[in-house]
Amino acid sequence: MTEPASSRRADLERAVHRYGGYWDTEHSLRTLRDAGHDPQDKHIRRILRDLAGAGWLVKVEDRPVRYLLAEPE
């Protein structure tokens, strides 16, 4: 049985807002595993892109891809 992607996204979004700072695939993967999820890298990357598209994260590096919590306006 697979867990809903919305649950992974919600847990990662909460962690990003709680801890701030830089986020990449590995950091996100560890965070979600600590929260009891078993995500795949491609799902993590999609969630990070979605959060960036929603304005929560700003892409600051391309290779490796890293994001930073966006500053409130």
N, C-alpha and C. Protein backbone atom coordinates (compact mmCIF):
# COMPACT_ATOMS: atom_id res chain seq x y z
N MET A 1 0.85 -1.18 0.00
CA MET A 1 0.00 0.00 0.00
C MET A 1 0.89 1.24 0.00
N THR A 2 0.58 2.19 -0.88
CA THR A 2 1.37 3.40 -0.93
C THR A 2 0.64 4.51 -0.19
N GLU A 3 1.43 5.40 0.34
CA GLU A 3 0.86 6.52 1.08
C GLU A 3 0.47 7.63 0.11
N PRO A 4 -0.50 8.43 0.45
CA PRO A 4 -0.90 9.52 -0.45
C PRO A 4 0.19 10.58 -0.57
N ALA A 5 0.38 11.06 -1.79
CA ALA A 5 1.38 12.10 -2.02
C ALA A 5 1.06 13.36 -1.25
N SER A 6 -0.23 13.63 -1.05
CA SER A 6 -0.61 14.84 -0.32
C SER A 6 -0.10 14.80 1.12
N SER A 7 -0.03 13.61 1.71
CA SER A 7 0.49 13.47 3.06
C SER A 7 1.99 13.77 3.09
N ARG A 8 2.72 13.27 2.11
CA ARG A 8 4.16 13.56 2.03
C ARG A 8 4.38 15.05 1.84
N ARG A 9 3.62 15.63 0.92
CA ARG A 9 3.77 17.05 0.64
C ARG A 9 3.46 17.88 1.88
N ALA A 10 2.38 17.56 2.57
CA ALA A 10 1.99 18.33 3.76
C ALA A 10 3.06 18.23 4.84
N ASP A 11 3.61 17.03 5.04
CA ASP A 11 4.65 16.87 6.05
C ASP A 11 5.92 17.62 5.67
N LEU A 12 6.29 17.58 4.39
CA LEU A 12 7.49 18.30 3.96
C LEU A 12 7.26 19.81 4.04
N GLU A 13 6.09 20.26 3.65
CA GLU A 13 5.79 21.69 3.73
C GLU A 13 5.87 22.19 5.17
N ARG A 14 5.33 21.43 6.10
CA ARG A 14 5.42 21.81 7.52
C ARG A 14 6.87 21.89 7.98
N ALA A 15 7.68 20.92 7.57
CA ALA A 15 9.10 20.91 7.97
C ALA A 15 9.84 22.10 7.38
N VAL A 16 9.58 22.41 6.13
CA VAL A 16 10.24 23.55 5.48
C VAL A 16 9.92 24.83 6.24
N HIS A 17 8.66 25.01 6.60
CA HIS A 17 8.27 26.23 7.31
C HIS A 17 8.79 26.24 8.74
N ARG A 18 8.86 25.10 9.36
CA ARG A 18 9.33 25.03 10.74
C ARG A 18 10.84 25.29 10.83
N TYR A 19 11.61 24.66 9.95
CA TYR A 19 13.07 24.71 10.07
C TYR A 19 13.73 25.73 9.14
N GLY A 20 13.06 26.11 8.05
CA GLY A 20 13.63 27.08 7.12
C GLY A 20 14.93 26.59 6.52
N GLY A 21 15.73 27.51 6.05
CA GLY A 21 17.04 27.17 5.50
C GLY A 21 16.99 26.54 4.13
N TYR A 22 18.06 25.81 3.82
CA TYR A 22 18.22 25.20 2.50
C TYR A 22 17.60 23.81 2.46
N TRP A 23 17.03 23.46 1.29
CA TRP A 23 16.41 22.16 1.09
C TRP A 23 16.84 21.58 -0.23
N ASP A 24 17.22 20.33 -0.19
CA ASP A 24 17.55 19.58 -1.40
C ASP A 24 16.90 18.21 -1.28
N THR A 25 17.14 17.36 -2.25
CA THR A 25 16.50 16.05 -2.27
C THR A 25 16.89 15.23 -1.04
N GLU A 26 18.16 15.20 -0.70
CA GLU A 26 18.62 14.37 0.43
C GLU A 26 18.05 14.85 1.76
N HIS A 27 18.09 16.15 1.98
CA HIS A 27 17.55 16.71 3.23
C HIS A 27 16.06 16.40 3.33
N SER A 28 15.34 16.57 2.24
CA SER A 28 13.90 16.31 2.22
C SER A 28 13.61 14.83 2.43
N LEU A 29 14.42 13.98 1.82
CA LEU A 29 14.25 12.53 1.96
C LEU A 29 14.42 12.10 3.41
N ARG A 30 15.47 12.59 4.06
CA ARG A 30 15.68 12.27 5.49
C ARG A 30 14.53 12.77 6.35
N THR A 31 14.06 13.97 6.06
CA THR A 31 12.97 14.56 6.83
C THR A 31 11.70 13.72 6.71
N LEU A 32 11.38 13.29 5.50
CA LEU A 32 10.17 12.50 5.30
C LEU A 32 10.32 11.09 5.87
N ARG A 33 11.51 10.52 5.79
CA ARG A 33 11.71 9.21 6.41
C ARG A 33 11.57 9.30 7.92
N ASP A 34 12.07 10.38 8.51
CA ASP A 34 11.92 10.58 9.95
C ASP A 34 10.44 10.74 10.34
N ALA A 35 9.63 11.21 9.39
CA ALA A 35 8.20 11.39 9.64
C ALA A 35 7.40 10.11 9.34
N GLY A 36 8.11 9.03 8.97
CA GLY A 36 7.44 7.75 8.74
C GLY A 36 7.06 7.45 7.31
N HIS A 37 7.55 8.24 6.38
CA HIS A 37 7.25 8.01 4.96
C HIS A 37 8.38 7.22 4.32
N ASP A 38 8.12 6.68 3.14
CA ASP A 38 9.14 5.98 2.36
C ASP A 38 9.07 6.49 0.92
N PRO A 39 9.43 7.76 0.71
CA PRO A 39 9.29 8.37 -0.61
C PRO A 39 10.42 8.00 -1.55
N GLN A 40 10.17 8.19 -2.84
CA GLN A 40 11.19 8.02 -3.86
C GLN A 40 11.74 9.40 -4.20
N ASP A 41 12.98 9.42 -4.70
CA ASP A 41 13.62 10.69 -5.05
C ASP A 41 12.77 11.52 -6.01
N LYS A 42 12.19 10.86 -7.02
CA LYS A 42 11.43 11.63 -8.01
C LYS A 42 10.22 12.31 -7.38
N HIS A 43 9.62 11.70 -6.37
CA HIS A 43 8.49 12.33 -5.69
C HIS A 43 8.96 13.53 -4.88
N ILE A 44 10.11 13.39 -4.26
CA ILE A 44 10.68 14.51 -3.49
C ILE A 44 10.95 15.70 -4.41
N ARG A 45 11.56 15.43 -5.53
CA ARG A 45 11.88 16.52 -6.47
C ARG A 45 10.61 17.21 -6.96
N ARG A 46 9.55 16.44 -7.20
CA ARG A 46 8.28 17.02 -7.64
C ARG A 46 7.70 17.91 -6.55
N ILE A 47 7.74 17.44 -5.32
CA ILE A 47 7.21 18.24 -4.20
C ILE A 47 7.99 19.54 -4.06
N LEU A 48 9.31 19.47 -4.14
CA LEU A 48 10.13 20.67 -4.04
C LEU A 48 9.81 21.65 -5.17
N ARG A 49 9.65 21.14 -6.39
CA ARG A 49 9.28 22.01 -7.52
C ARG A 49 7.91 22.63 -7.29
N ASP A 50 6.98 21.85 -6.78
CA ASP A 50 5.63 22.38 -6.49
C ASP A 50 5.68 23.48 -5.45
N LEU A 51 6.46 23.27 -4.39
CA LEU A 51 6.59 24.29 -3.35
C LEU A 51 7.25 25.55 -3.89
N ALA A 52 8.21 25.38 -4.79
CA ALA A 52 8.84 26.55 -5.41
C ALA A 52 7.84 27.26 -6.32
N GLY A 53 7.05 26.50 -7.06
CA GLY A 53 6.04 27.09 -7.93
C GLY A 53 4.97 27.84 -7.16
N ALA A 54 4.71 27.39 -5.94
CA ALA A 54 3.71 28.05 -5.09
C ALA A 54 4.30 29.25 -4.35
N GLY A 55 5.60 29.48 -4.52
CA GLY A 55 6.24 30.63 -3.88
C GLY A 55 6.79 30.38 -2.49
N TRP A 56 6.75 29.13 -2.02
CA TRP A 56 7.26 28.82 -0.68
C TRP A 56 8.77 28.69 -0.66
N LEU A 57 9.34 28.22 -1.76
CA LEU A 57 10.79 28.04 -1.87
C LEU A 57 11.31 28.81 -3.06
N VAL A 58 12.60 29.17 -2.99
CA VAL A 58 13.28 29.83 -4.10
C VAL A 58 14.47 28.96 -4.48
N LYS A 59 14.59 28.65 -5.77
CA LYS A 59 15.71 27.84 -6.25
C LYS A 59 16.96 28.71 -6.23
N VAL A 60 18.01 28.24 -5.53
CA VAL A 60 19.23 29.03 -5.41
C VAL A 60 20.43 28.36 -6.06
N GLU A 61 20.30 27.12 -6.47
CA GLU A 61 21.41 26.40 -7.08
C GLU A 61 20.84 25.34 -8.02
N ASP A 62 21.50 25.18 -9.19
CA ASP A 62 21.00 24.22 -10.18
C ASP A 62 21.59 22.83 -10.05
N ARG A 63 22.86 22.71 -9.80
CA ARG A 63 23.49 21.39 -9.74
C ARG A 63 24.44 21.32 -8.58
N PRO A 64 24.11 20.65 -7.53
CA PRO A 64 22.83 20.00 -7.26
C PRO A 64 21.76 21.03 -6.95
N VAL A 65 20.54 20.66 -7.22
CA VAL A 65 19.42 21.59 -7.02
C VAL A 65 19.22 21.81 -5.52
N ARG A 66 19.20 23.09 -5.15
CA ARG A 66 18.94 23.47 -3.75
C ARG A 66 17.95 24.61 -3.74
N TYR A 67 17.12 24.61 -2.73
CA TYR A 67 16.11 25.64 -2.55
C TYR A 67 16.30 26.29 -1.19
N LEU A 68 15.78 27.50 -1.07
CA LEU A 68 15.81 28.24 0.18
C LEU A 68 14.39 28.70 0.48
N LEU A 69 14.01 28.66 1.76
CA LEU A 69 12.70 29.15 2.14
C LEU A 69 12.57 30.59 1.69
N ALA A 70 11.49 30.91 0.99
CA ALA A 70 11.27 32.26 0.47
C ALA A 70 11.03 33.23 1.61
N GLU A 71 11.51 34.44 1.44
CA GLU A 71 11.29 35.49 2.42
C GLU A 71 9.85 35.97 2.34
N PRO A 72 9.19 36.18 3.47
CA PRO A 72 7.82 36.72 3.43
C PRO A 72 7.84 38.12 2.86
N GLU A 73 6.80 38.45 2.13
CA GLU A 73 6.74 39.79 1.52
C GLU A 73 6.11 40.80 2.44
